[in-house]
Protein backbone atom coordinates (compact mmCIF):
# COMPACT_ATOMS: atom_id res chain seq x y z
CA UNK A 1 51.85 147.27 35.06
CA UNK A 2 53.12 150.70 35.35
CA UNK A 3 52.20 153.10 32.39
CA UNK A 4 54.92 155.79 31.71
CA UNK A 5 54.85 158.88 30.09
CA UNK A 6 57.54 159.23 27.24
CA UNK A 7 58.08 162.57 25.54
CA UNK A 8 60.20 163.22 21.50
CA UNK A 9 63.43 162.31 22.91
CA UNK A 10 62.36 159.35 24.17
CA UNK A 11 61.39 157.87 20.82
CA UNK A 12 63.96 154.72 21.21
CA UNK A 13 62.56 154.13 24.25
CA UNK A 14 59.28 153.85 22.98
CA UNK A 15 60.15 151.50 19.59
CA UNK A 16 62.05 149.24 22.19
CA UNK A 17 59.09 148.63 23.80
CA UNK A 18 57.18 147.98 21.07
CA UNK A 19 59.69 145.55 19.82
CA UNK A 20 59.28 143.64 23.49
CA UNK A 21 55.52 142.88 22.00
CA UNK A 22 54.53 146.05 24.59
CA UNK A 23 51.71 148.47 23.52
CA UNK A 24 52.37 152.14 23.37
CA UNK A 25 50.01 154.87 22.85
CA UNK A 26 51.32 157.49 20.31
CA UNK A 27 50.03 160.58 18.67
CA UNK A 28 48.51 161.64 15.50
CA UNK A 29 47.02 164.98 14.16
CA UNK A 30 43.67 163.15 14.56
CA UNK A 31 43.35 161.20 18.07
CA UNK A 32 45.61 159.44 19.98
CA UNK A 33 46.42 155.51 18.63
CA UNK A 34 47.22 152.53 20.99
CA UNK A 35 50.26 150.92 18.79
CA UNK A 36 51.20 147.67 18.77
CA UNK A 37 53.82 145.69 15.95
CA UNK A 38 51.17 144.85 13.56
CA UNK A 39 53.16 141.76 12.21
CA UNK A 40 52.79 139.71 15.27
CA UNK A 41 49.47 138.48 16.11
CA UNK A 42 50.09 137.49 20.09
CA UNK A 43 50.57 141.30 20.56
CA UNK A 44 47.94 142.67 18.61
CA UNK A 45 45.76 140.47 20.38
CA UNK A 46 46.73 142.37 24.08
CA UNK A 47 45.49 145.72 21.93
CA UNK A 48 41.77 144.27 21.24
CA UNK A 49 42.35 143.24 25.13
CA UNK A 50 43.36 145.94 26.73
CA UNK A 51 40.76 148.59 24.90
CA UNK A 52 38.05 145.77 25.57
CA UNK A 53 37.64 145.97 22.05
CA UNK A 54 35.94 143.84 19.74
CA UNK A 55 38.07 141.06 17.94
CA UNK A 56 36.11 141.42 14.25
CA UNK A 57 36.34 145.45 14.46
CA UNK A 58 39.52 145.87 12.08
CA UNK A 59 42.67 147.74 13.10
CA UNK A 60 44.06 150.81 10.88
CA UNK A 61 48.17 149.97 9.97
CA UNK A 62 50.24 153.18 10.30
CA UNK A 63 53.29 153.30 8.17
CA UNK A 64 55.95 155.65 7.65
CA UNK A 65 56.04 155.95 3.78
CA UNK A 66 53.88 154.84 0.92
CA UNK A 67 57.16 152.48 0.30
CA UNK A 68 56.11 150.79 3.44
CA UNK A 69 52.35 149.74 2.35
CA UNK A 70 53.48 147.70 -0.66
CA UNK A 71 55.37 144.98 1.34
CA UNK A 72 51.70 144.14 2.04
CA UNK A 73 49.34 145.58 -0.07
CA UNK A 74 48.68 144.18 -2.78
CA UNK A 75 49.21 146.24 -6.19
CA UNK A 76 46.20 146.32 -8.17
CA UNK A 77 45.19 149.40 -6.91
CA UNK A 78 48.46 151.07 -6.87
CA UNK A 79 47.75 153.81 -9.07
CA UNK A 80 44.74 155.07 -7.28
CA UNK A 81 46.56 154.64 -3.88
CA UNK A 82 49.22 156.24 -5.42
CA UNK A 83 47.64 159.53 -6.43
CA UNK A 84 45.62 159.27 -2.59
CA UNK A 85 48.80 158.99 -0.84
CA UNK A 86 50.93 162.03 -3.04
CA UNK A 87 48.08 164.38 -2.08
CA UNK A 88 46.96 163.64 1.16
CA UNK A 89 49.83 161.54 2.88
CA UNK A 90 51.18 162.35 5.75
CA UNK A 91 47.65 163.16 6.58
CA UNK A 92 43.99 162.24 7.96
CA UNK A 93 43.05 159.82 5.04
CA UNK A 94 43.29 155.52 5.69
CA UNK A 95 42.97 153.85 2.37
CA UNK A 96 41.90 150.03 2.11
CA UNK A 97 43.05 147.56 0.42
CA UNK A 98 43.34 144.09 -0.78
CA UNK A 99 46.55 142.67 0.83
CA UNK A 100 48.93 139.94 0.17
CA UNK A 101 48.32 136.58 0.81
CA UNK A 102 49.85 135.55 4.52
CA UNK A 103 51.30 139.25 5.18
CA UNK A 104 49.38 140.33 7.52
CA UNK A 105 47.14 137.86 9.92
CA UNK A 106 43.14 137.85 10.68
CA UNK A 107 44.15 139.84 14.05
CA UNK A 108 44.57 143.17 12.19
CA UNK A 109 42.22 142.58 9.06
CA UNK A 110 39.04 141.38 11.27
CA UNK A 111 39.76 137.87 9.23
CA UNK A 112 39.10 139.99 5.90
CA UNK A 113 41.13 140.04 2.91
CA UNK A 114 41.77 143.93 3.23
CA UNK A 115 43.53 146.39 5.49
CA UNK A 116 43.57 149.62 6.39
CA UNK A 117 46.35 152.16 6.08
CA UNK A 118 47.44 155.50 6.87
CA UNK A 119 50.51 157.77 7.38
CA UNK A 120 49.66 160.10 9.90
CA UNK A 121 51.07 163.47 9.66
CA UNK A 122 52.80 163.37 13.18
CA UNK A 123 56.53 163.54 13.45
CA UNK A 124 57.29 161.66 17.00
CA UNK A 125 55.14 158.57 15.40
CA UNK A 126 56.54 159.28 11.68
CA UNK A 127 60.24 158.60 13.93
CA UNK A 128 58.66 156.14 15.89
CA UNK A 129 57.65 153.81 13.04
CA UNK A 130 61.43 154.47 11.42
CA UNK A 131 63.28 153.66 14.25
CA UNK A 132 60.92 150.44 15.10
CA UNK A 133 60.84 149.34 11.56
CA UNK A 134 57.63 147.90 11.11
CA UNK A 135 54.48 148.79 11.00
CA UNK A 136 52.05 149.70 13.68
CA UNK A 137 48.37 149.35 14.65
CA UNK A 138 46.46 151.65 15.82
CA UNK A 139 43.24 151.96 17.19
CA UNK A 140 42.20 154.90 19.37
CA UNK A 141 43.64 154.84 22.57
CA UNK A 142 40.55 154.96 24.90
CA UNK A 143 38.28 152.29 26.37
CA UNK A 144 36.09 150.63 23.81
CA UNK A 145 33.10 152.97 23.01
CA UNK A 146 33.64 155.98 24.99
CA UNK A 147 35.15 159.15 23.30
CA UNK A 148 38.29 159.10 21.55
CA UNK A 149 41.74 160.39 23.33
CA UNK A 150 42.85 163.99 21.94
CA UNK A 151 45.93 164.24 24.71
CA UNK A 152 47.83 162.07 26.80
CA UNK A 153 45.94 162.88 29.92
CA UNK A 154 42.86 161.09 27.87
CA UNK A 155 45.05 157.98 27.38
CA UNK A 156 46.40 157.66 31.08
CA UNK A 157 42.81 158.17 32.35
CA UNK A 158 41.13 154.98 30.66
CA UNK A 159 44.57 152.85 29.55
CA UNK A 160 46.76 153.13 32.71
CA UNK A 161 48.39 149.76 33.82
CA UNK A 162 47.09 148.20 30.87
CA UNK A 163 50.19 149.68 28.37
CA UNK A 164 53.62 149.93 28.83
CA UNK A 165 53.77 154.28 27.93
CA UNK A 166 52.20 157.00 25.80
CA UNK A 167 54.52 159.30 23.85
CA UNK A 168 53.31 162.11 24.75
CA UNK A 169 53.03 165.02 21.85
CA UNK A 170 50.74 167.50 23.44
CA UNK A 171 46.71 167.83 22.03
CA UNK A 172 46.06 166.59 18.83
CA UNK A 173 45.32 169.42 15.97
CA UNK A 174 42.27 167.58 14.09
CA UNK A 175 40.53 165.98 17.04
CA UNK A 176 38.35 163.70 14.80
CA UNK A 177 39.16 160.10 12.98
CA UNK A 178 40.60 160.27 9.91
CA UNK A 179 38.31 159.55 6.66
CA UNK A 180 38.12 155.96 5.83
CA UNK A 181 38.28 155.26 1.91
CA UNK A 182 37.80 151.69 0.47
CA UNK A 183 39.46 151.53 -3.23
CA UNK A 184 38.40 147.10 -2.92
CA UNK A 185 34.91 148.52 -3.37
CA UNK A 186 33.31 149.04 -7.17
CA UNK A 187 33.25 152.60 -6.68
CA UNK A 188 36.05 154.45 -4.56
CA UNK A 189 33.88 154.41 -0.79
CA UNK A 190 34.05 156.52 1.97
CA UNK A 191 33.44 154.34 5.02
CA UNK A 192 33.89 156.83 7.60
CA UNK A 193 34.14 160.57 7.46
CA UNK A 194 36.94 162.71 8.48
CA UNK A 195 38.74 165.97 7.64
CA UNK A 196 39.50 164.81 4.29
CA UNK A 197 36.02 165.53 2.39
CA UNK A 198 34.14 163.64 0.06
CA UNK A 199 34.79 166.79 -2.62
CA UNK A 200 38.52 166.47 -1.89
CA UNK A 201 38.81 163.08 -2.91
CA UNK A 202 36.30 163.59 -6.24
CA UNK A 203 38.80 165.54 -7.01
CA UNK A 204 41.55 162.98 -7.38
CA UNK A 205 39.58 159.85 -8.03
CA UNK A 206 36.85 161.20 -9.97
CA UNK A 207 33.52 159.43 -8.98
CA UNK A 208 33.48 158.54 -5.02
CA UNK A 209 30.46 156.69 -3.24
CA UNK A 210 29.82 157.29 0.68
CA UNK A 211 28.23 154.74 2.90
CA UNK A 212 28.00 155.04 6.30
CA UNK A 213 25.38 152.57 7.54
CA UNK A 214 25.71 150.71 10.49
CA UNK A 215 26.80 147.09 10.11
CA UNK A 216 24.29 144.38 11.73
CA UNK A 217 25.47 141.86 14.05
CA UNK A 218 26.19 139.28 11.02
CA UNK A 219 28.33 141.22 9.16
CA UNK A 220 32.17 141.92 9.64
CA UNK A 221 33.24 145.70 9.52
CA UNK A 222 35.73 146.80 7.06
CA UNK A 223 36.60 150.22 9.01
CA UNK A 224 36.35 151.15 12.39
CA UNK A 225 32.94 152.87 13.72
CA UNK A 226 30.88 151.05 11.31
CA UNK A 227 29.72 148.32 13.99
CA UNK A 228 29.80 149.33 17.44
CA UNK A 229 29.03 151.71 20.01
CA UNK A 230 31.52 154.67 19.82
CA UNK A 231 32.57 157.63 21.67
CA UNK A 232 29.84 157.68 23.85
CA UNK A 233 30.02 159.21 27.52
CA UNK A 234 28.28 158.53 30.60
CA UNK A 235 26.29 161.54 30.51
CA UNK A 236 23.18 161.10 27.59
CA UNK A 237 24.29 163.78 25.04
CA UNK A 238 21.59 165.58 23.22
CA UNK A 239 22.30 167.10 20.25
CA UNK A 240 20.69 170.70 19.48
CA UNK A 241 20.83 171.49 15.89
CA UNK A 242 19.04 174.81 15.82
CA UNK A 243 21.62 177.49 18.47
CA UNK A 244 18.09 179.33 18.76
CA UNK A 245 16.87 176.72 20.61
CA UNK A 246 19.37 176.27 23.54
CA UNK A 247 17.54 178.03 26.11
CA UNK A 248 14.12 175.63 25.54
CA UNK A 249 16.51 172.85 25.45
CA UNK A 250 17.86 174.03 29.31
CA UNK A 251 14.94 174.26 30.23
CA UNK A 252 13.34 171.04 29.32
CA UNK A 253 16.80 169.10 30.68
CA UNK A 254 18.18 171.31 33.67
CA UNK A 255 17.85 169.54 36.82
CA UNK A 256 18.16 172.04 40.17
CA UNK A 257 20.30 169.13 42.14
CA UNK A 258 22.72 168.65 39.30
CA UNK A 259 23.87 171.21 36.85
CA UNK A 260 23.80 169.83 32.75
CA UNK A 261 26.74 170.35 30.70
CA UNK A 262 26.64 172.58 27.63
CA UNK A 263 29.24 171.89 24.63
CA UNK A 264 28.92 174.70 22.27
CA UNK A 265 30.59 177.86 20.26
CA UNK A 266 31.69 180.89 22.44
CA UNK A 267 28.89 182.80 20.23
CA UNK A 268 26.00 180.44 22.09
CA UNK A 269 28.12 180.19 25.33
CA UNK A 270 28.17 183.95 25.70
CA UNK A 271 24.72 184.43 25.59
CA UNK A 272 24.06 181.57 28.66
CA UNK A 273 23.77 182.64 31.70
CA UNK A 274 22.47 180.18 34.94
CA UNK A 275 24.63 176.85 36.92
CA UNK A 276 25.82 175.19 34.29
CA UNK A 277 29.28 173.52 33.46
CA UNK A 278 30.28 174.54 29.82
CA UNK A 279 32.63 173.79 27.78
CA UNK A 280 33.64 175.81 24.51
CA UNK A 281 33.98 174.44 21.13
CA UNK A 282 35.41 177.80 19.94
CA UNK A 283 34.53 179.48 16.87
CA UNK A 284 33.35 176.93 14.01
CA UNK A 285 33.16 173.72 12.69
CA UNK A 286 36.50 172.70 12.61
CA UNK A 287 37.59 173.89 16.02
CA UNK A 288 34.24 172.35 17.28
CA UNK A 289 35.66 168.90 15.64
CA UNK A 290 39.01 169.56 17.46
CA UNK A 291 36.89 170.04 20.94
CA UNK A 292 33.98 167.52 20.69
CA UNK A 293 35.88 164.62 22.30
CA UNK A 294 38.03 166.60 24.77
CA UNK A 295 34.46 168.80 25.58
CA UNK A 296 32.57 165.34 26.33
CA UNK A 297 35.19 163.50 28.42
CA UNK A 298 35.39 167.40 30.36
CA UNK A 299 31.97 167.44 31.00
CA UNK A 300 31.66 163.56 31.85
CA UNK A 301 34.35 163.66 34.56
CA UNK A 302 32.32 166.23 36.49
CA UNK A 303 29.19 164.17 36.63
CA UNK A 304 26.53 165.74 34.69
CA UNK A 305 23.08 163.93 33.64
CA UNK A 306 23.22 165.80 30.58
CA UNK A 307 25.16 167.22 27.69
CA UNK A 308 23.37 169.75 25.61
CA UNK A 309 25.49 169.75 22.28
CA UNK A 310 25.86 171.85 19.07
CA UNK A 311 24.99 170.26 16.22
CA UNK A 312 26.40 171.85 12.40
CA UNK A 313 25.00 171.24 9.52
CA UNK A 314 26.29 167.96 7.47
CA UNK A 315 28.16 169.42 4.81
CA UNK A 316 31.54 169.84 3.98
CA UNK A 317 34.04 169.25 7.48
CA UNK A 318 30.08 169.14 9.28
CA UNK A 319 29.96 165.83 7.54
CA UNK A 320 32.75 164.27 10.18
CA UNK A 321 31.65 166.22 13.45
CA UNK A 322 27.86 165.24 12.75
CA UNK A 323 28.73 161.40 12.39
CA UNK A 324 30.91 161.62 16.09
CA UNK A 325 28.38 163.56 17.49
CA UNK A 326 25.53 161.51 16.64
CA UNK A 327 27.10 158.43 17.50
CA UNK A 328 28.08 160.02 20.95
CA UNK A 329 24.46 160.90 21.08
CA UNK A 330 22.72 157.54 19.96
CA UNK A 331 20.97 159.74 17.73
CA UNK A 332 19.29 161.98 20.19
CA UNK A 333 18.46 165.38 19.09
CA UNK A 334 16.04 167.95 20.66
CA UNK A 335 12.85 168.31 19.58
CA UNK A 336 10.44 171.16 20.34
CA UNK A 337 7.01 170.63 21.36
CA UNK A 338 5.05 169.52 18.39
CA UNK A 339 8.01 168.05 16.69
CA UNK A 340 8.54 164.87 15.06
């Protein structure tokens, strides 16, 4: 199969592919998604196959309006959901709610009675959904377990020949996936952190809980990223929590025959000298989140054995960055001699 690269003046062609049961990658403000008709089980199965994704990992349903949500979601949490939609949609917030019986298949929900809904803040994709006329599923458009794609070229690298087309709208502006909040829990609960913070959600809903545990093999996850390995390049990622420790970390992991990768802010990179492969995270945790996945991919493409990645305090926007980086590193942090 030839994978076409489409621009935003070719939305009708992308919609035609979807109508024909094909897979089309699409841009959002967070990462690129892998789109398919959310109402056709046989088509949704192809999403799992293309990604190599476990079939009990639920998919986010992307819509072009709140009105489209209520064709599928039960309205028992409509008041809370509407408050969130009014405040944060279109935007990087996914809302989990019970669905009306028979409206979405288990291939979308992972066999649960709930589904996750999001209205992305990207005009090309909103136009695509409107032109298509139905919601589309949209897991990240990458090989399952690898860093999420923030540019069309990342999608092409992973999925060329497996999908019909990629709607290219340039690099994403946020770079980490949406915040996921579950309204069906006893207390509204954040299942995946993102750029919409717990503090912002609390301002709208009142009490909000967080649950970032890794789901056991026996459980069915209610949101993506809770059960399986995610965001990992081939290189081993090591998180350097204290910027002052980079020199010591480099001494430990540097190899004469193979340069290691350094993923850090400009302030850190400007202080380093040596035979390293480097990728800039910019100036702060916001820019670091935007560039994290692209940096992991770029350094991995250079076949480095290790990537030393800068950590940030896990508060505010640092929660989402730390969540993704810890998963990409398998929780591996640099420890100085004598530290536990």
